[in-house]
Amino acid sequence: MPATLEVKCTNEDCELDMFELHYTYDMPEETGVSDFQCPYCAQTDSLDEIEL
């Protein structure tokens, strides 16, 4: 099963609560939350992984 990454945006001005990233098998193993930006506010440093 491909990896799923749950992410939240901590930017106070952003309206996005959380989102999921669903990888394909072709994504490198070292891919993490720092490789993405918020789809709503476009910030990169305000994303945090949600640990379950």
N, C-alpha and C. Protein backbone atom coordinates (compact mmCIF):
# COMPACT_ATOMS: atom_id res chain seq x y z
N MET A 1 0.84 -1.17 0.00
CA MET A 1 0.00 0.00 0.00
C MET A 1 0.89 1.24 0.00
N PRO A 2 0.65 2.20 -0.88
CA PRO A 2 1.45 3.43 -0.88
C PRO A 2 1.27 4.21 0.41
N ALA A 3 2.28 4.99 0.73
CA ALA A 3 2.25 5.78 1.97
C ALA A 3 1.20 6.88 1.90
N THR A 4 0.66 7.23 3.05
CA THR A 4 -0.25 8.36 3.21
C THR A 4 0.34 9.28 4.26
N LEU A 5 0.35 10.56 3.99
CA LEU A 5 0.88 11.54 4.92
C LEU A 5 -0.23 12.51 5.26
N GLU A 6 -0.57 12.63 6.56
CA GLU A 6 -1.57 13.59 7.00
C GLU A 6 -0.85 14.83 7.48
N VAL A 7 -1.29 15.99 6.99
CA VAL A 7 -0.57 17.25 7.21
C VAL A 7 -1.55 18.30 7.69
N LYS A 8 -1.08 19.17 8.59
CA LYS A 8 -1.87 20.31 9.02
C LYS A 8 -1.06 21.58 8.74
N CYS A 9 -1.78 22.66 8.47
CA CYS A 9 -1.14 23.95 8.25
C CYS A 9 -1.29 24.76 9.54
N THR A 10 -0.19 25.27 10.04
CA THR A 10 -0.20 26.02 11.31
C THR A 10 -0.18 27.52 11.10
N ASN A 11 -0.27 27.97 9.85
CA ASN A 11 -0.32 29.40 9.56
C ASN A 11 -1.63 29.96 10.11
N GLU A 12 -1.56 30.94 11.00
CA GLU A 12 -2.76 31.49 11.63
C GLU A 12 -3.73 32.13 10.64
N ASP A 13 -3.23 32.60 9.51
CA ASP A 13 -4.07 33.25 8.51
C ASP A 13 -4.64 32.27 7.49
N CYS A 14 -4.31 31.02 7.60
CA CYS A 14 -4.76 30.00 6.64
C CYS A 14 -6.06 29.36 7.13
N GLU A 15 -6.97 29.14 6.21
CA GLU A 15 -8.27 28.54 6.54
C GLU A 15 -8.26 27.01 6.45
N LEU A 16 -7.17 26.44 5.92
CA LEU A 16 -7.09 24.99 5.75
C LEU A 16 -6.74 24.31 7.07
N ASP A 17 -7.52 23.35 7.46
CA ASP A 17 -7.30 22.63 8.71
C ASP A 17 -6.27 21.52 8.53
N MET A 18 -6.56 20.58 7.67
CA MET A 18 -5.66 19.46 7.42
C MET A 18 -5.93 18.89 6.03
N PHE A 19 -4.97 18.12 5.53
CA PHE A 19 -5.15 17.43 4.26
C PHE A 19 -4.28 16.19 4.24
N GLU A 20 -4.57 15.28 3.32
CA GLU A 20 -3.82 14.03 3.19
C GLU A 20 -3.09 14.02 1.86
N LEU A 21 -1.89 13.49 1.88
CA LEU A 21 -1.12 13.27 0.67
C LEU A 21 -1.04 11.77 0.45
N HIS A 22 -1.47 11.32 -0.71
CA HIS A 22 -1.42 9.90 -1.04
C HIS A 22 -0.35 9.71 -2.10
N TYR A 23 0.70 9.03 -1.74
CA TYR A 23 1.83 8.81 -2.63
C TYR A 23 1.58 7.65 -3.56
N THR A 24 2.31 7.62 -4.67
CA THR A 24 2.38 6.42 -5.49
C THR A 24 3.63 5.64 -5.06
N TYR A 25 3.79 4.49 -5.59
CA TYR A 25 4.96 3.68 -5.24
C TYR A 25 6.25 4.30 -5.77
N ASP A 26 6.15 5.25 -6.71
CA ASP A 26 7.33 5.84 -7.32
C ASP A 26 7.95 6.97 -6.51
N MET A 27 7.31 7.41 -5.44
CA MET A 27 7.85 8.51 -4.62
C MET A 27 9.07 8.00 -3.85
N PRO A 28 10.13 8.78 -3.77
CA PRO A 28 11.30 8.37 -2.98
C PRO A 28 10.94 8.21 -1.50
N GLU A 29 11.57 7.27 -0.84
CA GLU A 29 11.28 6.99 0.57
C GLU A 29 11.53 8.19 1.47
N GLU A 30 12.49 9.03 1.11
CA GLU A 30 12.84 10.18 1.96
C GLU A 30 11.89 11.36 1.78
N THR A 31 10.85 11.23 0.96
CA THR A 31 9.88 12.30 0.77
C THR A 31 9.14 12.54 2.07
N GLY A 32 9.05 13.81 2.46
CA GLY A 32 8.38 14.16 3.71
C GLY A 32 7.62 15.46 3.60
N VAL A 33 7.10 15.91 4.70
CA VAL A 33 6.26 17.11 4.73
C VAL A 33 7.01 18.35 4.26
N SER A 34 8.30 18.40 4.43
CA SER A 34 9.09 19.57 4.02
C SER A 34 9.20 19.70 2.50
N ASP A 35 8.79 18.68 1.77
CA ASP A 35 8.85 18.71 0.31
C ASP A 35 7.59 19.31 -0.32
N PHE A 36 6.63 19.72 0.49
CA PHE A 36 5.35 20.20 -0.02
C PHE A 36 5.03 21.60 0.49
N GLN A 37 4.02 22.22 -0.12
CA GLN A 37 3.52 23.50 0.36
C GLN A 37 2.02 23.38 0.56
N CYS A 38 1.47 24.25 1.38
CA CYS A 38 0.04 24.25 1.65
C CYS A 38 -0.71 24.60 0.37
N PRO A 39 -1.71 23.81 -0.01
CA PRO A 39 -2.45 24.10 -1.24
C PRO A 39 -3.35 25.33 -1.12
N TYR A 40 -3.55 25.82 0.09
CA TYR A 40 -4.43 26.97 0.29
C TYR A 40 -3.64 28.28 0.38
N CYS A 41 -2.65 28.33 1.28
CA CYS A 41 -1.90 29.57 1.50
C CYS A 41 -0.52 29.57 0.86
N ALA A 42 -0.10 28.45 0.32
CA ALA A 42 1.18 28.28 -0.39
C ALA A 42 2.41 28.42 0.51
N GLN A 43 2.24 28.37 1.82
CA GLN A 43 3.38 28.41 2.74
C GLN A 43 4.03 27.04 2.80
N THR A 44 5.33 26.99 2.98
CA THR A 44 6.04 25.72 3.11
C THR A 44 6.51 25.47 4.53
N ASP A 45 6.80 26.53 5.26
CA ASP A 45 7.33 26.36 6.62
C ASP A 45 6.25 26.20 7.68
N SER A 46 4.98 26.27 7.30
CA SER A 46 3.90 26.16 8.29
C SER A 46 3.26 24.78 8.29
N LEU A 47 3.79 23.83 7.55
CA LEU A 47 3.21 22.50 7.51
C LEU A 47 3.84 21.59 8.55
N ASP A 48 2.98 20.84 9.24
CA ASP A 48 3.42 19.86 10.23
C ASP A 48 2.73 18.53 9.94
N GLU A 49 3.48 17.46 10.09
CA GLU A 49 2.90 16.12 9.94
C GLU A 49 2.04 15.80 11.16
N ILE A 50 0.90 15.19 10.92
CA ILE A 50 0.02 14.75 12.00
C ILE A 50 0.42 13.32 12.35
N GLU A 51 0.88 13.11 13.55
CA GLU A 51 1.28 11.78 14.01
C GLU A 51 0.09 11.10 14.67
N LEU A 52 -0.25 9.93 14.21
CA LEU A 52 -1.38 9.19 14.79
C LEU A 52 -0.90 8.20 15.80
